[in-house]
């Protein structure tokens, strides 16, 4: 579980509403200051910030980056063989992971 909590407060004593943005696009509107990810996934990676709305106006937080690590997946292995001469092969392997492979 991952929680992002908006720590902005307004000068208003009235109700506050929170809008969460992911990569500058609206992600969630809520009365709760905490954005909860019950099960974090690679698609949740991104830049998040919140905007708090109240009777006094609105304020935005600074953005934070949520970086989700995951092991290699979607591995593709291709091989190219030169049979005529008998001793030449190329093996090409690609995979998706975070952090990426450092070659």
PDB file of N, CA and C in Angstrom:
ATOM      1  N   UNK A   1       0.839  -1.162   0.000  1.00  0.00           N
ATOM      2  CA  UNK A   1       0.000   0.000   0.000  1.00  0.00           C
ATOM      3  C   UNK A   1       0.897   1.242   0.000  1.00  0.00           C
ATOM      4  N   UNK A   2       0.495   2.247  -0.787  1.00  0.00           N
ATOM      5  CA  UNK A   2       1.219   3.516  -0.845  1.00  0.00           C
ATOM      6  C   UNK A   2       0.213   4.635  -0.627  1.00  0.00           C
ATOM      7  N   UNK A   3       0.583   5.592   0.229  1.00  0.00           N
ATOM      8  CA  UNK A   3      -0.254   6.761   0.486  1.00  0.00           C
ATOM      9  C   UNK A   3       0.477   8.030   0.088  1.00  0.00           C
ATOM     10  N   UNK A   4      -0.214   8.925  -0.615  1.00  0.00           N
ATOM     11  CA  UNK A   4       0.271  10.282  -0.861  1.00  0.00           C
ATOM     12  C   UNK A   4      -0.664  11.208  -0.096  1.00  0.00           C
ATOM     13  N   UNK A   5      -0.102  12.071   0.757  1.00  0.00           N
ATOM     14  CA  UNK A   5      -0.921  12.953   1.582  1.00  0.00           C
ATOM     15  C   UNK A   5      -0.660  14.397   1.216  1.00  0.00           C
ATOM     16  N   UNK A   6      -1.738  15.118   0.961  1.00  0.00           N
ATOM     17  CA  UNK A   6      -1.665  16.538   0.625  1.00  0.00           C
ATOM     18  C   UNK A   6      -1.530  17.324   1.923  1.00  0.00           C
ATOM     19  N   UNK A   7      -0.429  18.048   2.092  1.00  0.00           N
ATOM     20  CA  UNK A   7      -0.183  18.767   3.340  1.00  0.00           C
ATOM     21  C   UNK A   7      -0.505  20.253   3.236  1.00  0.00           C
ATOM     22  N   UNK A   8      -1.123  20.648   2.132  1.00  0.00           N
ATOM     23  CA  UNK A   8      -1.536  22.043   2.011  1.00  0.00           C
ATOM     24  C   UNK A   8      -2.741  22.300   2.904  1.00  0.00           C
ATOM     25  N   UNK A   9      -2.826  23.490   3.434  1.00  0.00           N
ATOM     26  CA  UNK A   9      -4.037  23.867   4.168  1.00  0.00           C
ATOM     27  C   UNK A   9      -4.421  25.269   3.714  1.00  0.00           C
ATOM     28  N   UNK A  10      -5.666  25.543   3.809  1.00  0.00           N
ATOM     29  CA  UNK A  10      -6.144  26.864   3.423  1.00  0.00           C
ATOM     30  C   UNK A  10      -6.403  27.674   4.680  1.00  0.00           C
ATOM     31  N   UNK A  11      -6.644  28.965   4.498  1.00  0.00           N
ATOM     32  CA  UNK A  11      -6.958  29.836   5.627  1.00  0.00           C
ATOM     33  C   UNK A  11      -8.434  29.743   6.000  1.00  0.00           C
ATOM     34  N   UNK A  12      -9.199  29.012   5.244  1.00  0.00           N
ATOM     35  CA  UNK A  12     -10.631  28.908   5.468  1.00  0.00           C
ATOM     36  C   UNK A  12     -10.941  27.868   6.533  1.00  0.00           C
ATOM     37  N   UNK A  13     -11.966  28.115   7.293  1.00  0.00           N
ATOM     38  CA  UNK A  13     -12.435  27.153   8.283  1.00  0.00           C
ATOM     39  C   UNK A  13     -13.482  26.217   7.667  1.00  0.00           C
ATOM     40  N   UNK A  14     -13.874  26.488   6.418  1.00  0.00           N
ATOM     41  CA  UNK A  14     -14.900  25.691   5.751  1.00  0.00           C
ATOM     42  C   UNK A  14     -14.351  24.375   5.232  1.00  0.00           C
ATOM     43  N   UNK A  15     -15.240  23.652   4.599  1.00  0.00           N
ATOM     44  CA  UNK A  15     -14.880  22.348   4.041  1.00  0.00           C
ATOM     45  C   UNK A  15     -13.843  22.502   2.933  1.00  0.00           C
ATOM     46  N   UNK A  16     -12.969  21.527   2.839  1.00  0.00           N
ATOM     47  CA  UNK A  16     -11.955  21.509   1.807  1.00  0.00           C
ATOM     48  C   UNK A  16     -12.189  20.315   0.895  1.00  0.00           C
ATOM     49  N   UNK A  17     -11.929  20.515  -0.371  1.00  0.00           N
ATOM     50  CA  UNK A  17     -11.950  19.430  -1.349  1.00  0.00           C
ATOM     51  C   UNK A  17     -10.579  19.354  -1.986  1.00  0.00           C
ATOM     52  N   UNK A  18     -10.185  18.148  -2.353  1.00  0.00           N
ATOM     53  CA  UNK A  18      -8.862  17.918  -2.906  1.00  0.00           C
ATOM     54  C   UNK A  18      -8.988  17.343  -4.306  1.00  0.00           C
ATOM     55  N   UNK A  19      -8.185  17.866  -5.216  1.00  0.00           N
ATOM     56  CA  UNK A  19      -8.071  17.305  -6.550  1.00  0.00           C
ATOM     57  C   UNK A  19      -6.633  16.830  -6.713  1.00  0.00           C
ATOM     58  N   UNK A  20      -6.482  15.574  -7.086  1.00  0.00           N
ATOM     59  CA  UNK A  20      -5.166  15.002  -7.330  1.00  0.00           C
ATOM     60  C   UNK A  20      -4.907  14.966  -8.831  1.00  0.00           C
ATOM     61  N   UNK A  21      -3.686  15.306  -9.208  1.00  0.00           N
ATOM     62  CA  UNK A  21      -3.278  15.309 -10.604  1.00  0.00           C
ATOM     63  C   UNK A  21      -2.130  14.324 -10.781  1.00  0.00           C
ATOM     64  N   UNK A  22      -2.176  13.603 -11.894  1.00  0.00           N
ATOM     65  CA  UNK A  22      -1.092  12.701 -12.275  1.00  0.00           C
ATOM     66  C   UNK A  22      -0.626  13.153 -13.651  1.00  0.00           C
ATOM     67  N   UNK A  23       0.668  13.473 -13.750  1.00  0.00           N
ATOM     68  CA  UNK A  23       1.245  13.948 -15.012  1.00  0.00           C
ATOM     69  C   UNK A  23       0.417  15.104 -15.582  1.00  0.00           C
ATOM     70  N   UNK A  24       0.015  16.021 -14.697  1.00  0.00           N
ATOM     71  CA  UNK A  24      -0.717  17.259 -15.021  1.00  0.00           C
ATOM     72  C   UNK A  24      -2.155  17.041 -15.478  1.00  0.00           C
ATOM     73  N   UNK A  25      -2.678  15.831 -15.360  1.00  0.00           N
ATOM     74  CA  UNK A  25      -4.075  15.580 -15.708  1.00  0.00           C
ATOM     75  C   UNK A  25      -4.843  15.174 -14.465  1.00  0.00           C
ATOM     76  N   UNK A  26      -6.109  15.592 -14.391  1.00  0.00           N
ATOM     77  CA  UNK A  26      -6.934  15.283 -13.226  1.00  0.00           C
ATOM     78  C   UNK A  26      -6.991  13.775 -13.011  1.00  0.00           C
ATOM     79  N   UNK A  27      -6.722  13.356 -11.780  1.00  0.00           N
ATOM     80  CA  UNK A  27      -6.672  11.936 -11.451  1.00  0.00           C
ATOM     81  C   UNK A  27      -7.798  11.542 -10.496  1.00  0.00           C
ATOM     82  N   UNK A  28      -8.085  12.422  -9.508  1.00  0.00           N
ATOM     83  CA  UNK A  28      -9.087  12.085  -8.504  1.00  0.00           C
ATOM     84  C   UNK A  28      -9.590  13.349  -7.805  1.00  0.00           C
ATOM     85  N   UNK A  29     -10.899  13.439  -7.600  1.00  0.00           N
ATOM     86  CA  UNK A  29     -11.511  14.494  -6.782  1.00  0.00           C
ATOM     87  C   UNK A  29     -12.043  13.836  -5.520  1.00  0.00           C
ATOM     88  N   UNK A  30     -11.696  14.411  -4.367  1.00  0.00           N
ATOM     89  CA  UNK A  30     -12.095  13.774  -3.110  1.00  0.00           C
ATOM     90  C   UNK A  30     -12.133  14.794  -1.977  1.00  0.00           C
ATOM     91  N   UNK A  31     -12.804  14.439  -0.899  1.00  0.00           N
ATOM     92  CA  UNK A  31     -12.788  15.254   0.313  1.00  0.00           C
ATOM     93  C   UNK A  31     -11.677  14.774   1.245  1.00  0.00           C
ATOM     94  N   UNK A  32     -10.981  13.721   0.855  1.00  0.00           N
ATOM     95  CA  UNK A  32      -9.910  13.143   1.666  1.00  0.00           C
ATOM     96  C   UNK A  32      -8.566  13.671   1.187  1.00  0.00           C
ATOM     97  N   UNK A  33      -7.725  14.066   2.100  1.00  0.00           N
ATOM     98  CA  UNK A  33      -6.414  14.622   1.747  1.00  0.00           C
ATOM     99  C   UNK A  33      -5.391  13.567   1.359  1.00  0.00           C
ATOM    100  N   UNK A  34      -5.718  12.293   1.541  1.00  0.00           N
ATOM    101  CA  UNK A  34      -4.781  11.214   1.247  1.00  0.00           C
ATOM    102  C   UNK A  34      -5.246  10.408   0.044  1.00  0.00           C
ATOM    103  N   UNK A  35      -4.350  10.225  -0.908  1.00  0.00           N
ATOM    104  CA  UNK A  35      -4.585   9.382  -2.069  1.00  0.00           C
ATOM    105  C   UNK A  35      -3.980   8.019  -1.750  1.00  0.00           C
ATOM    106  N   UNK A  36      -4.804   6.980  -1.754  1.00  0.00           N
ATOM    107  CA  UNK A  36      -4.372   5.650  -1.328  1.00  0.00           C
ATOM    108  C   UNK A  36      -4.312   4.712  -2.528  1.00  0.00           C
ATOM    109  N   UNK A  37      -3.168   4.051  -2.663  1.00  0.00           N
ATOM    110  CA  UNK A  37      -2.998   2.997  -3.659  1.00  0.00           C
ATOM    111  C   UNK A  37      -2.972   1.681  -2.879  1.00  0.00           C
ATOM    112  N   UNK A  38      -4.048   0.929  -2.935  1.00  0.00           N
ATOM    113  CA  UNK A  38      -4.118  -0.339  -2.205  1.00  0.00           C
ATOM    114  C   UNK A  38      -3.106  -1.343  -2.754  1.00  0.00           C
ATOM    115  N   UNK A  39      -3.003  -1.396  -4.078  1.00  0.00           N
ATOM    116  CA  UNK A  39      -2.049  -2.287  -4.732  1.00  0.00           C
ATOM    117  C   UNK A  39      -1.317  -1.456  -5.771  1.00  0.00           C
ATOM    118  N   UNK A  40      -0.055  -1.190  -5.543  1.00  0.00           N
ATOM    119  CA  UNK A  40       0.723  -0.344  -6.446  1.00  0.00           C
ATOM    120  C   UNK A  40       1.106  -1.146  -7.695  1.00  0.00           C
ATOM    121  N   UNK A  41       1.017  -0.510  -8.854  1.00  0.00           N
ATOM    122  CA  UNK A  41       1.343  -1.149 -10.125  1.00  0.00           C
ATOM    123  C   UNK A  41       2.244  -0.225 -10.925  1.00  0.00           C
ATOM    124  N   UNK A  42       2.913  -0.787 -11.926  1.00  0.00           N
ATOM    125  CA  UNK A  42       3.837   0.018 -12.720  1.00  0.00           C
ATOM    126  C   UNK A  42       3.125   1.179 -13.404  1.00  0.00           C
ATOM    127  N   UNK A  43       1.852   1.006 -13.746  1.00  0.00           N
ATOM    128  CA  UNK A  43       1.105   2.084 -14.398  1.00  0.00           C
ATOM    129  C   UNK A  43       0.869   3.280 -13.467  1.00  0.00           C
ATOM    130  N   UNK A  44       1.111   3.108 -12.167  1.00  0.00           N
ATOM    131  CA  UNK A  44       0.948   4.210 -11.205  1.00  0.00           C
ATOM    132  C   UNK A  44       2.152   5.146 -11.179  1.00  0.00           C
ATOM    133  N   UNK A  45       3.236   4.778 -11.839  1.00  0.00           N
ATOM    134  CA  UNK A  45       4.413   5.639 -11.914  1.00  0.00           C
ATOM    135  C   UNK A  45       4.011   6.975 -12.532  1.00  0.00           C
ATOM    136  N   UNK A  46       4.481   8.067 -11.942  1.00  0.00           N
ATOM    137  CA  UNK A  46       4.186   9.375 -12.513  1.00  0.00           C
ATOM    138  C   UNK A  46       4.464  10.498 -11.542  1.00  0.00           C
ATOM    139  N   UNK A  47       4.160  11.700 -11.979  1.00  0.00           N
ATOM    140  CA  UNK A  47       4.329  12.909 -11.186  1.00  0.00           C
ATOM    141  C   UNK A  47       2.959  13.317 -10.631  1.00  0.00           C
ATOM    142  N   UNK A  48       2.852  13.422  -9.318  1.00  0.00           N
ATOM    143  CA  UNK A  48       1.583  13.712  -8.654  1.00  0.00           C
ATOM    144  C   UNK A  48       1.658  15.032  -7.891  1.00  0.00           C
ATOM    145  N   UNK A  49       0.559  15.759  -7.904  1.00  0.00           N
ATOM    146  CA  UNK A  49       0.406  16.904  -7.003  1.00  0.00           C
ATOM    147  C   UNK A  49      -1.065  17.060  -6.676  1.00  0.00           C
ATOM    148  N   UNK A  50      -1.346  17.815  -5.635  1.00  0.00           N
ATOM    149  CA  UNK A  50      -2.733  18.020  -5.234  1.00  0.00           C
ATOM    150  C   UNK A  50      -3.062  19.511  -5.279  1.00  0.00           C
ATOM    151  N   UNK A  51      -4.355  19.771  -5.380  1.00  0.00           N
ATOM    152  CA  UNK A  51      -4.872  21.132  -5.313  1.00  0.00           C
ATOM    153  C   UNK A  51      -5.997  21.099  -4.294  1.00  0.00           C
ATOM    154  N   UNK A  52      -5.913  21.973  -3.293  1.00  0.00           N
ATOM    155  CA  UNK A  52      -6.943  22.026  -2.264  1.00  0.00           C
ATOM    156  C   UNK A  52      -7.859  23.219  -2.547  1.00  0.00           C
ATOM    157  N   UNK A  53      -9.148  22.947  -2.490  1.00  0.00           N
ATOM    158  CA  UNK A  53     -10.169  23.967  -2.747  1.00  0.00           C
ATOM    159  C   UNK A  53     -10.946  24.222  -1.467  1.00  0.00           C
ATOM    160  N   UNK A  54     -11.198  25.508  -1.172  1.00  0.00           N
ATOM    161  CA  UNK A  54     -12.017  25.862  -0.012  1.00  0.00           C
ATOM    162  C   UNK A  54     -12.750  27.159  -0.332  1.00  0.00           C
ATOM    163  N   UNK A  55     -13.479  27.662   0.635  1.00  0.00           N
ATOM    164  CA  UNK A  55     -14.192  28.936   0.458  1.00  0.00           C
ATOM    165  C   UNK A  55     -13.229  30.088   0.207  1.00  0.00           C
ATOM    166  N   UNK A  56     -12.001  29.953   0.673  1.00  0.00           N
ATOM    167  CA  UNK A  56     -11.011  31.021   0.527  1.00  0.00           C
ATOM    168  C   UNK A  56     -10.281  30.975  -0.818  1.00  0.00           C
ATOM    169  N   UNK A  57     -10.496  29.929  -1.608  1.00  0.00           N
ATOM    170  CA  UNK A  57      -9.806  29.815  -2.892  1.00  0.00           C
ATOM    171  C   UNK A  57      -9.139  28.461  -3.029  1.00  0.00           C
ATOM    172  N   UNK A  58      -8.045  28.439  -3.777  1.00  0.00           N
ATOM    173  CA  UNK A  58      -7.344  27.169  -3.994  1.00  0.00           C
ATOM    174  C   UNK A  58      -5.834  27.368  -3.942  1.00  0.00           C
ATOM    175  N   UNK A  59      -5.138  26.278  -3.621  1.00  0.00           N
ATOM    176  CA  UNK A  59      -3.679  26.257  -3.600  1.00  0.00           C
ATOM    177  C   UNK A  59      -3.212  24.912  -4.119  1.00  0.00           C
ATOM    178  N   UNK A  60      -2.062  24.899  -4.781  1.00  0.00           N
ATOM    179  CA  UNK A  60      -1.498  23.658  -5.315  1.00  0.00           C
ATOM    180  C   UNK A  60      -0.202  23.313  -4.610  1.00  0.00           C
ATOM    181  N   UNK A  61       0.030  22.027  -4.470  1.00  0.00           N
ATOM    182  CA  UNK A  61       1.275  21.549  -3.860  1.00  0.00           C
ATOM    183  C   UNK A  61       2.360  21.451  -4.925  1.00  0.00           C
ATOM    184  N   UNK A  62       3.555  21.192  -4.481  1.00  0.00           N
ATOM    185  CA  UNK A  62       4.640  20.841  -5.391  1.00  0.00           C
ATOM    186  C   UNK A  62       4.421  19.406  -5.848  1.00  0.00           C
ATOM    187  N   UNK A  63       4.959  19.076  -7.000  1.00  0.00           N
ATOM    188  CA  UNK A  63       4.812  17.714  -7.521  1.00  0.00           C
ATOM    189  C   UNK A  63       5.827  16.778  -6.869  1.00  0.00           C
ATOM    190  N   UNK A  64       5.419  15.524  -6.703  1.00  0.00           N
ATOM    191  CA  UNK A  64       6.319  14.460  -6.253  1.00  0.00           C
ATOM    192  C   UNK A  64       6.261  13.340  -7.286  1.00  0.00           C
ATOM    193  N   UNK A  65       7.360  12.634  -7.433  1.00  0.00           N
ATOM    194  CA  UNK A  65       7.413  11.538  -8.392  1.00  0.00           C
ATOM    195  C   UNK A  65       7.239  10.214  -7.669  1.00  0.00           C
ATOM    196  N   UNK A  66       6.285   9.433  -8.139  1.00  0.00           N
ATOM    197  CA  UNK A  66       6.087   8.078  -7.652  1.00  0.00           C
ATOM    198  C   UNK A  66       6.750   7.155  -8.670  1.00  0.00           C
ATOM    199  N   UNK A  67       7.801   6.464  -8.238  1.00  0.00           N
ATOM    200  CA  UNK A  67       8.583   5.598  -9.116  1.00  0.00           C
ATOM    201  C   UNK A  67       8.386   4.162  -8.653  1.00  0.00           C
ATOM    202  N   UNK A  68       7.721   3.355  -9.463  1.00  0.00           N
ATOM    203  CA  UNK A  68       7.407   1.981  -9.093  1.00  0.00           C
ATOM    204  C   UNK A  68       8.441   1.038  -9.713  1.00  0.00           C
ATOM    205  N   UNK A  69       9.139   0.290  -8.870  1.00  0.00           N
ATOM    206  CA  UNK A  69      10.123  -0.684  -9.340  1.00  0.00           C
ATOM    207  C   UNK A  69       9.439  -2.022  -9.610  1.00  0.00           C
ATOM    208  N   UNK A  70       9.902  -2.712 -10.647  1.00  0.00           N
ATOM    209  CA  UNK A  70       9.384  -4.038 -10.961  1.00  0.00           C
ATOM    210  C   UNK A  70      10.471  -4.848 -11.660  1.00  0.00           C
ATOM    211  N   UNK A  71      10.407  -6.171 -11.513  1.00  0.00           N
ATOM    212  CA  UNK A  71      11.444  -7.032 -12.108  1.00  0.00           C
ATOM    213  C   UNK A  71      11.247  -7.168 -13.612  1.00  0.00           C
ATOM    214  N   UNK A  72      12.218  -7.763 -14.287  1.00  0.00           N
ATOM    215  CA  UNK A  72      12.097  -7.952 -15.743  1.00  0.00           C
ATOM    216  C   UNK A  72      10.816  -8.701 -16.117  1.00  0.00           C
ATOM    217  N   UNK A  73      10.205  -8.248 -17.211  1.00  0.00           N
ATOM    218  CA  UNK A  73       8.996  -8.885 -17.737  1.00  0.00           C
ATOM    219  C   UNK A  73       8.945  -8.643 -19.247  1.00  0.00           C
ATOM    220  N   UNK A  74       8.057  -9.328 -19.908  1.00  0.00           N
ATOM    221  CA  UNK A  74       7.896  -9.202 -21.364  1.00  0.00           C
ATOM    222  C   UNK A  74       9.225  -9.447 -22.087  1.00  0.00           C
ATOM    223  N   UNK A  75       9.919 -10.469 -21.653  1.00  0.00           N
ATOM    224  CA  UNK A  75      11.217 -10.789 -22.246  1.00  0.00           C
ATOM    225  C   UNK A  75      11.032 -11.433 -23.621  1.00  0.00           C
ATOM    226  N   UNK A  76      11.788 -10.945 -24.576  1.00  0.00           N
ATOM    227  CA  UNK A  76      11.768 -11.488 -25.938  1.00  0.00           C
ATOM    228  C   UNK A  76      13.191 -11.899 -26.300  1.00  0.00           C
ATOM    229  N   UNK A  77      13.331 -13.135 -26.742  1.00  0.00           N
ATOM    230  CA  UNK A  77      14.634 -13.631 -27.173  1.00  0.00           C
ATOM    231  C   UNK A  77      14.520 -14.028 -28.643  1.00  0.00           C
ATOM    232  N   UNK A  78      15.417 -13.477 -29.454  1.00  0.00           N
ATOM    233  CA  UNK A  78      15.469 -13.796 -30.879  1.00  0.00           C
ATOM    234  C   UNK A  78      16.867 -14.306 -31.191  1.00  0.00           C
ATOM    235  N   UNK A  79      16.913 -15.315 -32.029  1.00  0.00           N
ATOM    236  CA  UNK A  79      18.231 -15.826 -32.433  1.00  0.00           C
ATOM    237  C   UNK A  79      18.320 -15.885 -33.950  1.00  0.00           C
ATOM    238  N   UNK A  80      19.494 -15.605 -34.439  1.00  0.00           N
ATOM    239  CA  UNK A  80      19.781 -15.634 -35.868  1.00  0.00           C
ATOM    240  C   UNK A  80      20.987 -16.552 -36.060  1.00  0.00           C
ATOM    241  N   UNK A  81      20.806 -17.561 -36.841  1.00  0.00           N
ATOM    242  CA  UNK A  81      21.874 -18.540 -37.058  1.00  0.00           C
ATOM    243  C   UNK A  81      22.310 -18.542 -38.511  1.00  0.00           C
ATOM    244  N   UNK A  82      23.604 -18.678 -38.721  1.00  0.00           N
ATOM    245  CA  UNK A  82      24.178 -18.826 -40.064  1.00  0.00           C
ATOM    246  C   UNK A  82      24.611 -20.275 -40.184  1.00  0.00           C
ATOM    247  N   UNK A  83      23.779 -21.067 -40.846  1.00  0.00           N
ATOM    248  CA  UNK A  83      24.038 -22.498 -40.924  1.00  0.00           C
ATOM    249  C   UNK A  83      25.028 -22.866 -42.015  1.00  0.00           C
ATOM    250  N   UNK A  84      25.149 -22.063 -43.061  1.00  0.00           N
ATOM    251  CA  UNK A  84      26.019 -22.419 -44.186  1.00  0.00           C
ATOM    252  C   UNK A  84      27.471 -22.545 -43.750  1.00  0.00           C
ATOM    253  N   UNK A  85      27.939 -21.629 -42.948  1.00  0.00           N
ATOM    254  CA  UNK A  85      29.330 -21.686 -42.485  1.00  0.00           C
ATOM    255  C   UNK A  85      29.442 -22.470 -41.180  1.00  0.00           C
ATOM    256  N   UNK A  86      28.329 -22.589 -40.468  1.00  0.00           N
ATOM    257  CA  UNK A  86      28.301 -23.463 -39.308  1.00  0.00           C
ATOM    258  C   UNK A  86      28.681 -22.892 -37.968  1.00  0.00           C
ATOM    259  N   UNK A  87      29.244 -21.667 -37.888  1.00  0.00           N
ATOM    260  CA  UNK A  87      29.708 -21.215 -36.578  1.00  0.00           C
ATOM    261  C   UNK A  87      29.361 -19.768 -36.267  1.00  0.00           C
ATOM    262  N   UNK A  88      28.214 -19.309 -36.700  1.00  0.00           N
ATOM    263  CA  UNK A  88      27.862 -17.908 -36.469  1.00  0.00           C
ATOM    264  C   UNK A  88      26.447 -17.841 -35.898  1.00  0.00           C
ATOM    265  N   UNK A  89      26.274 -17.140 -34.787  1.00  0.00           N
ATOM    266  CA  UNK A  89      24.951 -16.969 -34.180  1.00  0.00           C
ATOM    267  C   UNK A  89      24.867 -15.602 -33.524  1.00  0.00           C
ATOM    268  N   UNK A  90      23.695 -15.000 -33.610  1.00  0.00           N
ATOM    269  CA  UNK A  90      23.403 -13.753 -32.898  1.00  0.00           C
ATOM    270  C   UNK A  90      22.175 -14.009 -32.038  1.00  0.00           C
ATOM    271  N   UNK A  91      22.269 -13.682 -30.766  1.00  0.00           N
ATOM    272  CA  UNK A  91      21.125 -13.813 -29.863  1.00  0.00           C
ATOM    273  C   UNK A  91      20.804 -12.414 -29.346  1.00  0.00           C
ATOM    274  N   UNK A  92      19.561 -12.007 -29.549  1.00  0.00           N
ATOM    275  CA  UNK A  92      19.108 -10.676 -29.169  1.00  0.00           C
ATOM    276  C   UNK A  92      18.019 -10.821 -28.114  1.00  0.00           C
ATOM    277  N   UNK A  93      18.198 -10.163 -26.983  1.00  0.00           N
ATOM    278  CA  UNK A  93      17.256 -10.278 -25.873  1.00  0.00           C
ATOM    279  C   UNK A  93      16.803  -8.885 -25.449  1.00  0.00           C
ATOM    280  N   UNK A  94      15.493  -8.698 -25.305  1.00  0.00           N
ATOM    281  CA  UNK A  94      14.952  -7.432 -24.785  1.00  0.00           C
ATOM    282  C   UNK A  94      13.997  -7.748 -23.637  1.00  0.00           C
ATOM    283  N   UNK A  95      13.913  -6.823 -22.687  1.00  0.00           N
ATOM    284  CA  UNK A  95      13.001  -6.970 -21.567  1.00  0.00           C
ATOM    285  C   UNK A  95      12.628  -5.603 -21.033  1.00  0.00           C
ATOM    286  N   UNK A  96      11.551  -5.565 -20.284  1.00  0.00           N
ATOM    287  CA  UNK A  96      11.079  -4.325 -19.652  1.00  0.00           C
ATOM    288  C   UNK A  96      11.263  -4.482 -18.145  1.00  0.00           C
ATOM    289  N   UNK A  97      11.901  -3.505 -17.502  1.00  0.00           N
ATOM    290  CA  UNK A  97      12.078  -3.549 -16.041  1.00  0.00           C
ATOM    291  C   UNK A  97      12.309  -2.140 -15.525  1.00  0.00           C
ATOM    292  N   UNK A  98      12.113  -1.962 -14.241  1.00  0.00           N
ATOM    293  CA  UNK A  98      12.427  -0.693 -13.593  1.00  0.00           C
ATOM    294  C   UNK A  98      13.040  -1.024 -12.234  1.00  0.00           C
ATOM    295  N   UNK A  99      14.307  -0.706 -12.020  1.00  0.00           N
ATOM    296  CA  UNK A  99      15.156   0.076 -12.898  1.00  0.00           C
ATOM    297  C   UNK A  99      15.550  -0.718 -14.139  1.00  0.00           C
ATOM    298  N   UNK A 100      15.823   0.016 -15.239  1.00  0.00           N
ATOM    299  CA  UNK A 100      16.220  -0.665 -16.464  1.00  0.00           C
ATOM    300  C   UNK A 100      17.605  -1.287 -16.329  1.00  0.00           C
ATOM    301  N   UNK A 101      17.864  -2.250 -17.185  1.00  0.00           N
ATOM    302  CA  UNK A 101      19.170  -2.894 -17.224  1.00  0.00           C
ATOM    303  C   UNK A 101      20.235  -1.857 -17.593  1.00  0.00           C
ATOM    304  N   UNK A 102      21.353  -1.879 -16.905  1.00  0.00           N
ATOM    305  CA  UNK A 102      22.462  -0.960 -17.200  1.00  0.00           C
ATOM    306  C   UNK A 102      23.551  -1.728 -17.923  1.00  0.00           C
ATOM    307  N   UNK A 103      23.586  -1.606 -19.221  1.00  0.00           N
ATOM    308  CA  UNK A 103      24.584  -2.318 -20.013  1.00  0.00           C
ATOM    309  C   UNK A 103      25.810  -1.498 -20.201  1.00  0.00           C
TER     310      UNK A 103
END
